[in-house]
Protein backbone atom coordinates (compact mmCIF):
# COMPACT_ATOMS: atom_id res chain seq x y z
CA MET A 1 12.01 7.93 12.49
CA GLY A 2 12.73 9.41 9.13
CA LEU A 3 15.75 7.96 8.54
CA ALA A 4 14.26 4.52 9.56
CA GLY A 5 11.37 5.30 7.24
CA GLY A 6 14.42 6.12 4.44
CA ILE A 7 16.08 2.82 5.31
CA LEU A 8 12.82 0.82 4.71
CA LEU A 9 12.42 2.65 1.91
CA LEU A 10 16.11 1.90 0.58
CA LEU A 11 15.30 -2.06 1.19
CA LEU A 12 12.15 -1.79 -0.53
CA GLY A 13 13.55 0.16 -3.49
CA LEU A 14 16.22 -2.69 -3.72
CA SER A 15 13.87 -5.43 -3.54
CA MET A 16 11.83 -4.23 -5.99
CA PHE A 17 14.79 -3.91 -8.46
CA GLN A 18 15.88 -7.68 -7.51
CA ALA A 19 12.61 -8.54 -8.15
CA VAL A 20 12.70 -7.93 -11.83
CA ARG A 21 16.55 -8.93 -12.23
CA MET A 22 15.28 -12.32 -10.97
CA ASP A 23 12.20 -12.50 -12.80
CA VAL A 24 10.16 -12.69 -9.46
CA VAL A 25 7.40 -10.98 -11.07
CA ARG A 26 6.38 -14.04 -12.06
CA HIS A 27 6.05 -15.84 -8.59
CA ARG A 28 1.87 -16.49 -8.41
CA TYR A 29 0.35 -16.35 -4.90
CA LYS A 30 -1.29 -19.28 -4.06
CA GLY A 31 -2.79 -18.45 -0.49
CA SER A 32 -6.13 -16.84 -0.30
CA ALA A 33 -6.42 -13.32 -1.13
CA ILE A 34 -8.89 -12.60 1.50
CA THR A 35 -6.40 -13.70 4.00
CA ALA A 36 -3.15 -11.96 2.23
CA GLY A 37 -5.39 -8.67 2.38
CA ILE A 38 -6.32 -9.37 6.16
CA VAL A 39 -2.53 -9.67 6.83
CA LEU A 40 -1.52 -6.64 5.05
CA THR A 41 -3.81 -4.36 6.55
CA GLY A 42 -3.85 -5.57 9.61
CA GLY A 43 -0.11 -5.65 9.53
CA ASN A 44 0.06 -1.95 7.89
CA PRO A 45 0.74 0.66 10.88
CA TYR A 46 -0.98 3.60 8.79
CA PHE A 47 -4.15 1.50 9.10
CA PHE A 48 -4.25 1.87 12.85
CA VAL A 49 -3.02 5.53 12.35
CA TRP A 50 -5.49 6.39 9.74
CA TRP A 51 -8.37 5.50 11.93
CA ALA A 52 -6.79 7.02 14.99
CA THR A 53 -6.35 10.14 13.60
CA ILE A 54 -9.21 10.67 10.43
CA GLY A 55 -11.35 7.98 10.66
CA SER A 56 -12.62 8.61 14.60
CA GLY A 57 -12.69 11.84 13.59
CA LEU A 58 -15.38 10.98 10.68
CA MET A 59 -16.70 8.47 12.92
CA ILE A 60 -17.54 10.67 16.01
CA ARG A 61 -18.72 13.43 12.93
CA ALA A 62 -21.23 10.41 11.93
CA ILE A 63 -22.65 9.28 15.70
CA THR A 64 -24.28 13.38 16.05
CA TYR A 65 -26.30 11.68 13.05
CA GLY A 66 -27.50 8.92 14.96
CA VAL A 67 -26.28 5.10 15.24
CA VAL A 68 -27.77 4.79 11.25
CA CYS A 69 -25.07 6.84 10.06
CA VAL A 70 -22.40 5.27 11.80
CA VAL A 71 -23.14 1.47 10.31
CA LEU A 72 -23.91 3.82 6.92
CA PHE A 73 -20.61 5.06 7.05
CA MET A 74 -18.81 2.31 8.23
CA ILE A 75 -20.87 -0.06 5.34
CA LEU A 76 -20.07 2.43 2.31
CA HIS A 77 -15.92 2.59 3.75
CA TRP A 78 -16.01 -0.69 3.96
CA MET A 79 -17.37 -1.21 0.25
CA THR A 80 -15.42 1.58 -1.39
CA ASP A 81 -12.16 -0.39 0.38
CA LEU A 82 -13.26 -3.68 -1.32
CA SER A 83 -14.07 -2.18 -4.38
CA TRP A 84 -10.92 -0.18 -4.55
CA CYS A 85 -8.90 -3.19 -3.54
CA TYR A 86 -10.75 -5.19 -5.94
CA PHE A 87 -9.96 -2.96 -9.03
CA LEU A 88 -6.61 -3.01 -7.95
CA SER A 89 -6.00 -6.32 -7.48
CA ASN A 90 -7.57 -7.05 -11.14
CA ILE A 91 -5.11 -4.53 -12.58
CA THR A 92 -2.43 -6.35 -10.82
CA TYR A 93 -3.07 -9.92 -12.01
CA GLY A 94 -4.07 -8.54 -15.24
CA GLY A 95 -1.36 -6.33 -16.17
CA ARG A 96 1.44 -9.30 -17.40
CA ARG A 97 -1.06 -10.50 -19.61
CA PHE A 98 -2.82 -7.15 -21.23
CA PHE A 99 0.89 -4.93 -21.37
CA GLY A 100 3.45 -7.66 -21.53
CA GLU A 101 5.60 -8.85 -18.73
CA ARG A 102 8.28 -6.15 -20.19
CA PHE A 103 5.84 -3.16 -19.74
CA GLN A 104 5.46 -4.99 -15.74
CA LYS A 105 9.22 -4.67 -15.41
CA ILE A 106 9.65 -1.34 -16.88
CA VAL A 107 6.64 0.04 -13.96
CA PHE A 108 8.48 -2.48 -11.31
CA ALA A 109 12.13 -0.43 -11.80
CA ILE A 110 10.03 2.91 -12.24
CA CYS A 111 8.93 2.09 -8.74
CA GLY A 112 11.42 0.89 -7.51
CA ALA A 113 13.71 4.10 -8.42
CA PHE A 114 11.28 6.22 -7.05
CA LEU A 115 11.47 4.07 -3.75
CA LEU A 116 14.95 4.82 -3.71
CA PHE A 117 14.63 8.19 -4.27
CA MET A 118 12.10 8.54 -1.03
CA GLY A 119 14.72 6.64 0.70
CA VAL A 120 17.53 9.04 0.38
CA LYS A 121 15.65 12.37 0.78
CA PHE A 122 14.11 10.68 3.94
CA ILE A 123 17.30 9.93 5.28
CA ILE A 124 19.16 13.39 4.32
CA ASP A 125 16.19 15.03 5.47
CA ALA A 126 16.50 13.07 9.10
CA ILE A 127 20.15 13.84 9.22
CA LYS A 128 19.83 17.60 8.61
CA LEU A 129 17.22 17.29 11.38
CA LEU A 130 20.03 15.75 14.25
């Protein structure tokens, strides 16, 4: 699993460097933000892992306090997710205007380098386990 994750991180890191070099950071997504959020969340395997582990534990704990607590937990959790994603979206889309395109490219390059580093680390750790 670590080997596959490491390879994926390497590919993601390389794609970030490619985005900086090819000026892909100027691309604007023209679809619905809601649809994109649903697809990205549903396609994120950690979403299901979180709900299968931590989320289910929190739901079980909330059930001991009654149905109202479960509903309240769900609403507050979803509102927190929505607020956080809205905040990140505004920073992402407004970042280039506020900080400039050069700053955005530097951040992309730093993130790409970090992904490459973590990819290599995952691969090395996986090979050590063999």
